[in-house]
Protein backbone atom coordinates (compact mmCIF):
# COMPACT_ATOMS: atom_id res chain seq x y z
CA TYR A 1 4.74 5.40 25.41
CA THR A 2 7.32 4.12 23.86
CA GLY A 3 7.63 3.27 20.03
CA SER A 4 9.37 3.03 17.24
CA ALA A 5 9.63 3.12 13.69
CA GLN A 6 12.27 2.71 10.23
CA GLY A 7 13.79 6.31 9.82
CA PHE A 8 16.61 6.55 7.28
CA GLY A 9 19.34 4.05 8.50
CA GLY A 10 17.57 2.72 11.21
CA ALA A 11 15.06 2.59 13.28
CA ILE A 12 13.70 5.18 15.49
CA GLU A 13 12.58 5.67 19.35
CA VAL A 14 10.69 7.75 21.08
CA GLN A 15 8.50 8.48 24.41
CA VAL A 16 4.97 9.44 23.92
CA THR A 17 3.71 11.42 27.08
CA LEU A 18 -0.09 12.08 27.30
CA LYS A 19 -1.61 13.91 30.46
CA ASP A 20 -5.69 13.54 29.94
CA ASP A 21 -5.12 11.89 26.07
CA GLU A 22 -3.43 14.82 24.97
CA ILE A 23 0.06 14.19 23.14
CA THR A 24 2.12 16.57 25.95
CA ASP A 25 5.46 15.71 24.52
CA ILE A 26 7.40 13.71 22.37
CA GLN A 27 10.94 12.51 23.74
CA VAL A 28 13.22 10.60 19.87
CA THR A 29 15.38 7.99 23.04
CA SER A 30 16.94 6.10 19.79
CA ALA A 31 17.99 7.48 16.31
CA SER A 32 21.86 6.17 16.14
CA GLY A 33 21.32 5.36 12.14
CA GLU A 34 20.33 8.37 11.48
CA ASP A 35 23.17 10.99 10.66
CA SER A 36 22.77 14.19 13.43
CA THR A 37 22.53 16.94 10.65
CA TYR A 38 19.05 14.95 9.54
CA LEU A 39 17.98 14.06 12.13
CA SER A 40 17.87 17.71 14.40
CA GLN A 41 16.05 19.27 10.86
CA ALA A 42 13.88 15.94 11.40
CA GLN A 43 12.38 16.42 14.78
CA SER A 44 11.17 20.51 14.82
CA VAL A 45 7.82 17.96 13.87
CA ILE A 46 6.99 17.07 16.95
CA SER A 47 6.00 20.83 17.67
CA SER A 48 4.04 20.54 15.14
CA ILE A 49 2.34 16.64 16.64
CA ILE A 50 2.16 18.16 20.25
CA SER A 51 0.57 21.65 18.84
CA ALA A 52 -1.98 20.10 16.31
CA GLN A 53 -2.97 16.77 18.69
CA SER A 54 -2.01 14.71 15.45
CA THR A 55 0.27 12.69 13.28
CA ASP A 56 -1.57 13.90 9.98
CA VAL A 57 1.14 16.39 9.71
CA ASP A 58 4.02 17.94 6.97
CA THR A 59 7.07 15.74 6.84
CA VAL A 60 10.47 18.03 7.39
CA SER A 61 11.83 18.49 3.57
CA GLY A 62 14.97 17.44 3.15
CA ALA A 63 15.18 15.50 6.20
CA THR A 64 12.18 13.72 4.81
CA PHE A 65 12.57 9.83 5.77
CA SER A 66 13.89 10.38 9.25
CA SER A 67 10.41 12.20 9.63
CA THR A 68 7.75 10.05 8.76
CA GLY A 69 10.54 7.46 10.76
CA ILE A 70 9.00 9.92 14.04
CA ILE A 71 6.15 10.75 12.30
CA ASN A 72 5.17 6.49 12.14
CA ALA A 73 7.59 6.24 15.32
CA VAL A 74 4.81 8.19 17.17
CA VAL A 75 1.59 6.34 15.61
CA ASP A 76 3.15 3.17 17.10
CA ALA A 77 3.55 4.83 20.76
CA LEU A 78 -0.07 5.96 20.22
CA GLY A 79 -1.93 2.47 18.97
CA LYS A 80 -0.63 0.83 21.94
CA ALA A 81 -1.66 3.83 23.86
CA GLU A 82 -5.31 3.00 22.29
CA ASN A 83 -4.34 -0.74 23.64
CA GLU A 84 -4.05 0.54 27.38
């Protein structure tokens, strides 16, 4: 499932893989407006989401907008999964 949300410098798009209603993988597929340093820091939020099986995780200090964008994009993707 794909989702997108606003990051610091523009839209962040993610692809979320689900198996048996569990999040197994999250890939950032597009984040052209994000600073690469902040984005790489923010991507550590992905392992937190997978570990917790929830988007209710802390943002990454120093990369708050980018990590919030990733979290919200995952929320968007999971919303699409629920509607199927």
